[in-house]
C-alpha atoms as a PDB file:
ATOM      1  CA  MET A   1      11.770 190.817-138.687  1.00  0.00           C
ATOM      2  CA  ARG A   2      15.263 192.146-138.970  1.00  0.00           C
ATOM      3  CA  ILE A   3      18.029 190.428-136.828  1.00  0.00           C
ATOM      4  CA  TYR A   4      21.529 191.542-136.207  1.00  0.00           C
ATOM      5  CA  VAL A   5      24.206 189.042-135.048  1.00  0.00           C
ATOM      6  CA  SER A   6      27.603 189.826-133.269  1.00  0.00           C
ATOM      7  CA  ILE A   7      29.765 186.697-133.252  1.00  0.00           C
ATOM      8  CA  ASP A   8      33.004 186.276-131.372  1.00  0.00           C
ATOM      9  CA  MET A   9      35.192 183.075-131.071  1.00  0.00           C
ATOM     10  CA  GLU A  10      36.270 182.575-127.446  1.00  0.00           C
ATOM     11  CA  GLY A  11      32.728 181.531-126.534  1.00  0.00           C
ATOM     12  CA  ILE A  12      32.442 178.922-129.224  1.00  0.00           C
ATOM     13  CA  ALA A  13      32.395 175.205-128.040  1.00  0.00           C
ATOM     14  CA  GLY A  14      35.658 173.586-128.176  1.00  0.00           C
ATOM     15  CA  VAL A  15      37.717 176.732-128.074  1.00  0.00           C
ATOM     16  CA  VAL A  16      40.059 176.917-125.025  1.00  0.00           C
ATOM     17  CA  ARG A  17      43.481 178.214-126.241  1.00  0.00           C
ATOM     18  CA  SER A  18      45.167 180.858-128.463  1.00  0.00           C
ATOM     19  CA  ASP A  19      45.939 177.900-130.855  1.00  0.00           C
ATOM     20  CA  HIS A  20      42.292 178.172-131.676  1.00  0.00           C
ATOM     21  CA  THR A  21      41.787 181.897-131.726  1.00  0.00           C
ATOM     22  CA  SER A  22      45.001 183.147-133.319  1.00  0.00           C
ATOM     23  CA  THR A  23      45.416 183.160-137.048  1.00  0.00           C
ATOM     24  CA  ALA A  24      48.915 181.691-136.479  1.00  0.00           C
ATOM     25  CA  GLY A  25      47.446 178.821-134.384  1.00  0.00           C
ATOM     26  CA  ARG A  26      47.562 175.367-135.437  1.00  0.00           C
ATOM     27  CA  ASP A  27      43.913 174.792-134.619  1.00  0.00           C
ATOM     28  CA  TYR A  28      42.655 178.090-135.898  1.00  0.00           C
ATOM     29  CA  ASN A  29      41.047 176.615-138.978  1.00  0.00           C
ATOM     30  CA  LEU A  30      39.232 174.093-136.855  1.00  0.00           C
ATOM     31  CA  ALA A  31      37.723 176.936-134.726  1.00  0.00           C
ATOM     32  CA  ARG A  32      36.660 178.877-137.816  1.00  0.00           C
ATOM     33  CA  LYS A  33      34.687 175.901-138.737  1.00  0.00           C
ATOM     34  CA  TRP A  34      33.124 175.429-135.343  1.00  0.00           C
ATOM     35  CA  MET A  35      32.402 179.204-135.251  1.00  0.00           C
ATOM     36  CA  THR A  36      30.754 179.328-138.658  1.00  0.00           C
ATOM     37  CA  LYS A  37      28.719 176.058-137.834  1.00  0.00           C
ATOM     38  CA  GLU A  38      27.238 177.667-134.488  1.00  0.00           C
ATOM     39  CA  LEU A  39      26.376 180.619-136.565  1.00  0.00           C
ATOM     40  CA  SER A  40      24.920 178.654-139.343  1.00  0.00           C
ATOM     41  CA  VAL A  41      22.548 176.741-136.936  1.00  0.00           C
ATOM     42  CA  VAL A  42      21.268 179.881-135.445  1.00  0.00           C
ATOM     43  CA  VAL A  43      20.642 181.901-138.649  1.00  0.00           C
ATOM     44  CA  ASP A  44      19.198 178.951-140.335  1.00  0.00           C
ATOM     45  CA  GLU A  45      16.705 178.422-137.594  1.00  0.00           C
ATOM     46  CA  ALA A  46      15.979 182.246-137.491  1.00  0.00           C
ATOM     47  CA  LEU A  47      15.179 182.101-141.340  1.00  0.00           C
ATOM     48  CA  LYS A  48      12.989 179.003-140.758  1.00  0.00           C
ATOM     49  CA  ASN A  49      10.963 181.032-138.163  1.00  0.00           C
ATOM     50  CA  GLY A  50      10.021 183.946-140.327  1.00  0.00           C
ATOM     51  CA  VAL A  51      13.089 186.241-140.131  1.00  0.00           C
ATOM     52  CA  GLU A  52      13.252 188.351-143.334  1.00  0.00           C
ATOM     53  CA  TYR A  53      16.875 189.705-143.002  1.00  0.00           C
ATOM     54  CA  ILE A  54      19.998 188.974-141.055  1.00  0.00           C
ATOM     55  CA  LEU A  55      23.266 191.100-140.652  1.00  0.00           C
ATOM     56  CA  VAL A  56      26.117 189.291-139.196  1.00  0.00           C
ATOM     57  CA  ASN A  57      29.186 191.077-137.823  1.00  0.00           C
ATOM     58  CA  ASP A  58      32.324 189.031-137.605  1.00  0.00           C
ATOM     59  CA  SER A  59      33.493 190.345-134.428  1.00  0.00           C
ATOM     60  CA  HIS A  60      36.781 188.343-133.440  1.00  0.00           C
ATOM     61  CA  GLY A  61      40.375 189.523-133.871  1.00  0.00           C
ATOM     62  CA  GLY A  62      41.030 190.778-137.391  1.00  0.00           C
ATOM     63  CA  MET A  63      37.243 190.043-137.978  1.00  0.00           C
ATOM     64  CA  THR A  64      37.952 187.830-141.115  1.00  0.00           C
ATOM     65  CA  ASN A  65      37.075 184.375-139.464  1.00  0.00           C
ATOM     66  CA  LEU A  66      33.844 183.213-140.825  1.00  0.00           C
ATOM     67  CA  LEU A  67      33.875 180.806-143.719  1.00  0.00           C
ATOM     68  CA  LEU A  68      31.362 182.630-145.896  1.00  0.00           C
ATOM     69  CA  ASP A  69      30.633 179.725-148.384  1.00  0.00           C
ATOM     70  CA  GLU A  70      29.538 177.536-145.558  1.00  0.00           C
ATOM     71  CA  LEU A  71      26.657 179.815-144.399  1.00  0.00           C
ATOM     72  CA  PRO A  72      23.222 178.685-145.281  1.00  0.00           C
ATOM     73  CA  GLU A  73      21.205 180.214-148.075  1.00  0.00           C
ATOM     74  CA  GLY A  74      18.860 183.047-147.362  1.00  0.00           C
ATOM     75  CA  ASN A  75      18.769 186.831-147.116  1.00  0.00           C
ATOM     76  CA  ILE A  76      21.995 187.133-144.964  1.00  0.00           C
ATOM     77  CA  GLU A  77      24.714 189.680-145.252  1.00  0.00           C
ATOM     78  CA  VAL A  78      28.003 189.669-143.427  1.00  0.00           C
ATOM     79  CA  ILE A  79      30.476 192.526-142.269  1.00  0.00           C
ATOM     80  CA  THR A  80      34.213 191.568-142.161  1.00  0.00           C
ATOM     81  CA  GLY A  81      37.320 193.140-141.546  1.00  0.00           C
ATOM     82  CA  SER A  82      38.444 196.174-139.305  1.00  0.00           C
ATOM     83  CA  LEU A  83      38.552 199.160-138.742  1.00  0.00           C
ATOM     84  CA  LYS A  84      35.061 199.474-137.709  1.00  0.00           C
ATOM     85  CA  PRO A  85      33.752 202.612-135.889  1.00  0.00           C
ATOM     86  CA  LEU A  86      31.234 200.524-133.596  1.00  0.00           C
ATOM     87  CA  ILE A  87      33.813 197.557-133.497  1.00  0.00           C
ATOM     88  CA  MET A  88      31.708 194.349-132.485  1.00  0.00           C
ATOM     89  CA  MET A  89      28.440 196.189-133.122  1.00  0.00           C
ATOM     90  CA  GLU A  90      29.148 197.793-136.646  1.00  0.00           C
ATOM     91  CA  GLY A  91      25.932 197.869-138.664  1.00  0.00           C
ATOM     92  CA  ILE A  92      23.671 197.891-135.766  1.00  0.00           C
ATOM     93  CA  GLN A  93      22.830 201.559-136.730  1.00  0.00           C
ATOM     94  CA  LEU A  94      20.889 200.201-139.813  1.00  0.00           C
ATOM     95  CA  GLY A  95      18.002 199.405-137.510  1.00  0.00           C
ATOM     96  CA  PHE A  96      16.952 195.801-136.186  1.00  0.00           C
ATOM     97  CA  ASN A  97      14.106 194.176-134.175  1.00  0.00           C
ATOM     98  CA  ALA A  98      16.510 192.192-132.026  1.00  0.00           C
ATOM     99  CA  ALA A  99      20.088 191.245-131.582  1.00  0.00           C
ATOM    100  CA  PHE A 100      21.973 187.983-131.107  1.00  0.00           C
ATOM    101  CA  PHE A 101      25.325 187.622-129.547  1.00  0.00           C
ATOM    102  CA  ILE A 102      27.107 184.254-130.355  1.00  0.00           C
ATOM    103  CA  GLY A 103      30.389 182.921-129.086  1.00  0.00           C
ATOM    104  CA  TYR A 104      30.680 185.550-126.296  1.00  0.00           C
ATOM    105  CA  HIS A 105      33.137 185.156-123.304  1.00  0.00           C
ATOM    106  CA  SER A 106      33.610 186.648-119.787  1.00  0.00           C
ATOM    107  CA  LYS A 107      35.414 189.852-118.961  1.00  0.00           C
ATOM    108  CA  LYS A 108      39.151 189.899-118.090  1.00  0.00           C
ATOM    109  CA  GLY A 109      39.687 188.770-114.484  1.00  0.00           C
ATOM    110  CA  THR A 110      36.775 186.376-114.382  1.00  0.00           C
ATOM    111  CA  ARG A 111      37.885 183.244-112.601  1.00  0.00           C
ATOM    112  CA  GLY A 112      37.117 180.166-114.614  1.00  0.00           C
ATOM    113  CA  GLY A 113      36.554 182.520-117.761  1.00  0.00           C
ATOM    114  CA  ILE A 114      37.743 180.950-120.864  1.00  0.00           C
ATOM    115  CA  LEU A 115      40.371 183.141-122.603  1.00  0.00           C
ATOM    116  CA  ASP A 116      38.848 186.080-120.541  1.00  0.00           C
ATOM    117  CA  HIS A 117      39.600 189.593-121.803  1.00  0.00           C
ATOM    118  CA  THR A 118      37.792 192.845-122.529  1.00  0.00           C
ATOM    119  CA  VAL A 119      38.113 194.418-125.949  1.00  0.00           C
ATOM    120  CA  PHE A 120      41.899 194.248-126.211  1.00  0.00           C
ATOM    121  CA  GLY A 121      43.417 191.863-123.803  1.00  0.00           C
ATOM    122  CA  ARG A 122      46.990 192.869-124.172  1.00  0.00           C
ATOM    123  CA  ALA A 123      46.176 196.383-123.448  1.00  0.00           C
ATOM    124  CA  PHE A 124      43.052 196.745-121.232  1.00  0.00           C
ATOM    125  CA  ARG A 125      42.837 195.348-117.740  1.00  0.00           C
ATOM    126  CA  ARG A 126      39.518 196.903-116.974  1.00  0.00           C
ATOM    127  CA  VAL A 127      36.870 198.968-118.773  1.00  0.00           C
ATOM    128  CA  VAL A 128      34.330 200.538-116.493  1.00  0.00           C
ATOM    129  CA  ILE A 129      31.142 202.280-117.853  1.00  0.00           C
ATOM    130  CA  ASN A 130      29.325 204.673-115.447  1.00  0.00           C
ATOM    131  CA  ASN A 131      31.066 202.792-112.472  1.00  0.00           C
ATOM    132  CA  ARG A 132      30.326 199.305-113.554  1.00  0.00           C
ATOM    133  CA  GLU A 133      33.018 197.095-114.742  1.00  0.00           C
ATOM    134  CA  ALA A 134      32.157 196.039-118.215  1.00  0.00           C
ATOM    135  CA  SER A 135      32.391 192.854-120.229  1.00  0.00           C
ATOM    136  CA  GLU A 136      32.122 192.967-124.096  1.00  0.00           C
ATOM    137  CA  PHE A 137      28.460 191.760-123.637  1.00  0.00           C
ATOM    138  CA  TYR A 138      27.663 194.746-121.465  1.00  0.00           C
ATOM    139  CA  LEU A 139      29.347 197.202-123.709  1.00  0.00           C
ATOM    140  CA  ASN A 140      27.720 195.955-126.772  1.00  0.00           C
ATOM    141  CA  ALA A 141      24.427 195.452-125.313  1.00  0.00           C
ATOM    142  CA  LEU A 142      24.475 199.201-124.426  1.00  0.00           C
ATOM    143  CA  ILE A 143      25.462 200.074-127.997  1.00  0.00           C
ATOM    144  CA  ALA A 144      22.302 198.018-129.232  1.00  0.00           C
ATOM    145  CA  GLY A 145      20.192 199.722-126.637  1.00  0.00           C
ATOM    146  CA  HIS A 146      21.264 203.061-127.975  1.00  0.00           C
ATOM    147  CA  TYR A 147      19.561 202.034-131.179  1.00  0.00           C
ATOM    148  CA  ASN A 148      16.606 200.636-129.379  1.00  0.00           C
ATOM    149  CA  THR A 149      17.512 197.171-130.225  1.00  0.00           C
ATOM    150  CA  PRO A 150      17.252 194.512-127.458  1.00  0.00           C
ATOM    151  CA  VAL A 151      19.686 191.560-127.064  1.00  0.00           C
ATOM    152  CA  VAL A 152      17.382 188.595-126.881  1.00  0.00           C
ATOM    153  CA  LEU A 153      19.927 185.684-127.323  1.00  0.00           C
ATOM    154  CA  LEU A 154      23.347 184.959-126.046  1.00  0.00           C
ATOM    155  CA  SER A 155      25.645 182.001-126.449  1.00  0.00           C
ATOM    156  CA  GLY A 156      28.850 181.623-124.605  1.00  0.00           C
ATOM    157  CA  ASP A 157      30.722 180.269-121.638  1.00  0.00           C
ATOM    158  CA  ASP A 158      28.677 179.743-118.274  1.00  0.00           C
ATOM    159  CA  LYS A 159      30.292 182.937-116.680  1.00  0.00           C
ATOM    160  CA  ILE A 160      29.051 185.313-119.340  1.00  0.00           C
ATOM    161  CA  ALA A 161      25.708 183.630-119.727  1.00  0.00           C
ATOM    162  CA  LYS A 162      25.113 184.181-115.971  1.00  0.00           C
ATOM    163  CA  GLU A 163      25.981 187.831-116.359  1.00  0.00           C
ATOM    164  CA  ALA A 164      23.621 188.155-119.230  1.00  0.00           C
ATOM    165  CA  GLN A 165      20.691 186.673-117.277  1.00  0.00           C
ATOM    166  CA  GLU A 166      21.365 189.036-114.512  1.00  0.00           C
ATOM    167  CA  THR A 167      21.543 192.079-116.778  1.00  0.00           C
ATOM    168  CA  ILE A 168      18.719 191.591-119.235  1.00  0.00           C
ATOM    169  CA  ASP A 169      15.352 190.316-118.183  1.00  0.00           C
ATOM    170  CA  GLY A 170      13.985 187.570-120.648  1.00  0.00           C
ATOM    171  CA  ILE A 171      17.148 187.025-122.560  1.00  0.00           C
ATOM    172  CA  GLU A 172      17.657 183.589-123.855  1.00  0.00           C
ATOM    173  CA  VAL A 173      21.260 181.958-123.020  1.00  0.00           C
ATOM    174  CA  VAL A 174      22.793 178.952-124.248  1.00  0.00           C
ATOM    175  CA  VAL A 175      25.858 177.766-122.354  1.00  0.00           C
ATOM    176  CA  THR A 176      28.435 176.215-124.766  1.00  0.00           C
ATOM    177  CA  LYS A 177      30.877 175.272-122.097  1.00  0.00           C
ATOM    178  CA  TYR A 178      31.619 175.383-118.374  1.00  0.00           C
ATOM    179  CA  GLY A 179      34.975 177.019-117.511  1.00  0.00           C
ATOM    180  CA  ILE A 180      37.397 175.220-115.249  1.00  0.00           C
ATOM    181  CA  SER A 181      40.363 177.431-115.680  1.00  0.00           C
ATOM    182  CA  ARG A 182      41.276 180.174-118.267  1.00  0.00           C
ATOM    183  CA  TYR A 183      42.623 177.303-120.676  1.00  0.00           C
ATOM    184  CA  SER A 184      40.146 174.503-119.948  1.00  0.00           C
ATOM    185  CA  ALA A 185      36.555 173.773-120.054  1.00  0.00           C
ATOM    186  CA  ARG A 186      33.825 171.188-120.001  1.00  0.00           C
ATOM    187  CA  HIS A 187      31.801 171.247-123.298  1.00  0.00           C
ATOM    188  CA  LEU A 188      28.616 170.346-124.677  1.00  0.00           C
ATOM    189  CA  THR A 189      28.754 167.781-127.463  1.00  0.00           C
ATOM    190  CA  LYS A 190      28.122 169.532-130.840  1.00  0.00           C
ATOM    191  CA  SER A 191      24.933 167.740-131.453  1.00  0.00           C
ATOM    192  CA  LEU A 192      23.436 168.678-128.200  1.00  0.00           C
ATOM    193  CA  LEU A 193      24.634 172.279-128.448  1.00  0.00           C
ATOM    194  CA  TYR A 194      23.071 172.711-131.855  1.00  0.00           C
ATOM    195  CA  ARG A 195      19.779 171.405-130.684  1.00  0.00           C
ATOM    196  CA  ARG A 196      19.867 173.835-127.710  1.00  0.00           C
ATOM    197  CA  LEU A 197      20.867 176.603-130.011  1.00  0.00           C
ATOM    198  CA  ARG A 198      17.799 176.029-132.284  1.00  0.00           C
ATOM    199  CA  GLU A 199      15.429 175.725-129.453  1.00  0.00           C
ATOM    200  CA  ALA A 200      16.757 179.053-127.809  1.00  0.00           C
ATOM    201  CA  THR A 201      16.577 180.751-131.200  1.00  0.00           C
ATOM    202  CA  GLN A 202      12.808 179.854-131.519  1.00  0.00           C
ATOM    203  CA  ARG A 203      12.177 181.104-127.938  1.00  0.00           C
ATOM    204  CA  ALA A 204      14.153 184.295-128.405  1.00  0.00           C
ATOM    205  CA  LEU A 205      12.203 185.255-131.618  1.00  0.00           C
ATOM    206  CA  GLU A 206       8.930 184.581-130.007  1.00  0.00           C
ATOM    207  CA  LYS A 207       9.401 187.061-127.160  1.00  0.00           C
ATOM    208  CA  ALA A 208      11.687 189.512-129.051  1.00  0.00           C
ATOM    209  CA  ASP A 209       9.171 192.297-128.670  1.00  0.00           C
ATOM    210  CA  LYS A 210       8.906 191.783-125.033  1.00  0.00           C
ATOM    211  CA  VAL A 211      12.590 192.099-124.118  1.00  0.00           C
ATOM    212  CA  LYS A 212      13.629 195.714-123.413  1.00  0.00           C
ATOM    213  CA  PRO A 213      16.767 197.420-124.841  1.00  0.00           C
ATOM    214  CA  LEU A 214      19.467 197.905-122.307  1.00  0.00           C
ATOM    215  CA  LYS A 215      20.205 201.714-121.609  1.00  0.00           C
ATOM    216  CA  ILE A 216      22.068 203.853-119.202  1.00  0.00           C
ATOM    217  CA  SER A 217      21.926 207.560-118.512  1.00  0.00           C
ATOM    218  CA  TYR A 218      24.004 210.020-120.684  1.00  0.00           C
ATOM    219  CA  PRO A 219      26.560 211.344-120.705  1.00  0.00           C
ATOM    220  CA  VAL A 220      28.588 208.222-120.196  1.00  0.00           C
ATOM    221  CA  LYS A 221      31.671 208.047-118.004  1.00  0.00           C
ATOM    222  CA  ILE A 222      34.411 205.696-119.260  1.00  0.00           C
ATOM    223  CA  GLU A 223      37.419 204.530-117.269  1.00  0.00           C
ATOM    224  CA  ILE A 224      40.052 202.402-118.922  1.00  0.00           C
ATOM    225  CA  GLU A 225      42.680 200.630-116.752  1.00  0.00           C
ATOM    226  CA  PHE A 226      45.638 199.608-118.961  1.00  0.00           C
ATOM    227  CA  THR A 227      48.116 196.606-118.550  1.00  0.00           C
ATOM    228  CA  ASP A 228      51.102 198.779-118.754  1.00  0.00           C
ATOM    229  CA  SER A 229      51.718 202.522-117.854  1.00  0.00           C
ATOM    230  CA  SER A 230      53.218 203.252-121.198  1.00  0.00           C
ATOM    231  CA  LEU A 231      49.689 202.783-122.793  1.00  0.00           C
ATOM    232  CA  ALA A 232      48.375 205.454-120.264  1.00  0.00           C
ATOM    233  CA  ASP A 233      51.251 207.653-121.182  1.00  0.00           C
ATOM    234  CA  ALA A 234      50.382 207.595-124.796  1.00  0.00           C
ATOM    235  CA  ALA A 235      46.571 207.981-124.192  1.00  0.00           C
ATOM    236  CA  GLU A 236      47.240 211.052-121.913  1.00  0.00           C
ATOM    237  CA  LEU A 237      48.681 212.925-125.013  1.00  0.00           C
ATOM    238  CA  ILE A 238      45.126 213.318-126.284  1.00  0.00           C
ATOM    239  CA  PRO A 239      43.294 216.015-124.038  1.00  0.00           C
ATOM    240  CA  ILE A 240      40.010 214.326-123.914  1.00  0.00           C
ATOM    241  CA  PHE A 241      41.476 211.496-121.881  1.00  0.00           C
ATOM    242  CA  ASN A 242      42.264 212.479-118.205  1.00  0.00           C
ATOM    243  CA  ARG A 243      44.949 210.637-116.406  1.00  0.00           C
ATOM    244  CA  ILE A 244      43.798 209.005-113.096  1.00  0.00           C
ATOM    245  CA  ASP A 245      46.872 207.184-112.043  1.00  0.00           C
ATOM    246  CA  ALA A 246      49.807 205.404-113.392  1.00  0.00           C
ATOM    247  CA  MET A 247      47.749 202.838-115.216  1.00  0.00           C
ATOM    248  CA  SER A 248      44.446 204.421-115.875  1.00  0.00           C
ATOM    249  CA  ILE A 249      42.614 207.100-117.809  1.00  0.00           C
ATOM    250  CA  GLU A 250      39.003 208.372-117.927  1.00  0.00           C
ATOM    251  CA  TYR A 251      36.807 210.295-120.182  1.00  0.00           C
ATOM    252  CA  LYS A 252      33.099 211.421-120.662  1.00  0.00           C
ATOM    253  CA  ALA A 253      31.237 210.807-123.866  1.00  0.00           C
ATOM    254  CA  ARG A 254      27.896 212.223-124.855  1.00  0.00           C
ATOM    255  CA  ASP A 255      26.576 208.657-125.704  1.00  0.00           C
ATOM    256  CA  MET A 256      27.512 205.050-126.179  1.00  0.00           C
ATOM    257  CA  VAL A 257      28.390 205.654-129.945  1.00  0.00           C
ATOM    258  CA  GLU A 258      30.968 208.305-128.938  1.00  0.00           C
ATOM    259  CA  ALA A 259      32.126 206.147-126.036  1.00  0.00           C
ATOM    260  CA  VAL A 260      32.884 203.152-128.312  1.00  0.00           C
ATOM    261  CA  LYS A 261      34.532 205.152-130.937  1.00  0.00           C
ATOM    262  CA  LEU A 262      37.050 206.366-128.364  1.00  0.00           C
ATOM    263  CA  ILE A 263      37.659 202.904-127.136  1.00  0.00           C
ATOM    264  CA  GLU A 264      38.377 201.939-130.792  1.00  0.00           C
ATOM    265  CA  ALA A 265      40.848 205.031-130.849  1.00  0.00           C
ATOM    266  CA  LEU A 266      42.479 203.690-127.614  1.00  0.00           C
ATOM    267  CA  CYS A 267      42.897 200.213-129.205  1.00  0.00           C
ATOM    268  CA  LEU A 268      44.610 201.779-132.173  1.00  0.00           C
ATOM    269  CA  ILE A 269      46.952 203.811-129.896  1.00  0.00           C
ATOM    270  CA  SER A 270      47.783 200.934-127.719  1.00  0.00           C
ATOM    271  CA  SER A 271      48.445 198.671-130.712  1.00  0.00           C
ATOM    272  CA  ALA A 272      51.112 201.245-131.830  1.00  0.00           C
ATOM    273  CA  VAL A 273      52.752 201.389-128.440  1.00  0.00           C
ATOM    274  CA  LEU A 274      52.875 197.607-128.164  1.00  0.00           C
ATOM    275  CA  LYS A 275      54.527 196.934-131.482  1.00  0.00           C
END
């Protein structure tokens, strides 16, 4: 069995502030250790249960967060760095039996969502896919679905865990923390969390062939509401992006791969404007 892992940081237990998630933060190195440890617990359990190959995609920020020399031994490969055409799902196109999402968080605007944002928090207020407001979980699960890969395990805050259960029948979820506000949470102890991660990994692998990939009809309609009108001004310069109002653009993509590549392009455009 081949397993794909997309790992973010905001949903990791203990992480509540930008001091954890920013490379300049005083607690960033501590958060990197927590992130690497949660990943290590999951991949170690997967290997013990017969998984033959695991590809991990570091999917937070600049995507160079994982401490590679602290990962367990085994047939594991890791993608780091950016730019990546499929962003948080780069590598899924290589073909996998199932996907795990670790350290995931709720979409921007979620009450009690720890460090809530969607793709690019400084630039995107909302991402809408075929009339559904999307979280990173939903966006990435659709990319996995495009490649016929079911998402069978998710860990993260209680809000994104609830969304995952409501979206994918049979998915295993592990709640790492319960959001109180954007910057505070009630966390599981590490020992309890690691036990639950191992147990959920076992269950996810046992039913991986029973969970269906998440799919939507094509072509895909994407709407992006920006945080500032200047970002919509810049996006509108490219003909494929249709201006809806002062803050928003929309476009149609033939499938989820094209859709996410254009989202990545909008991230790069927005970064240039925000500098």
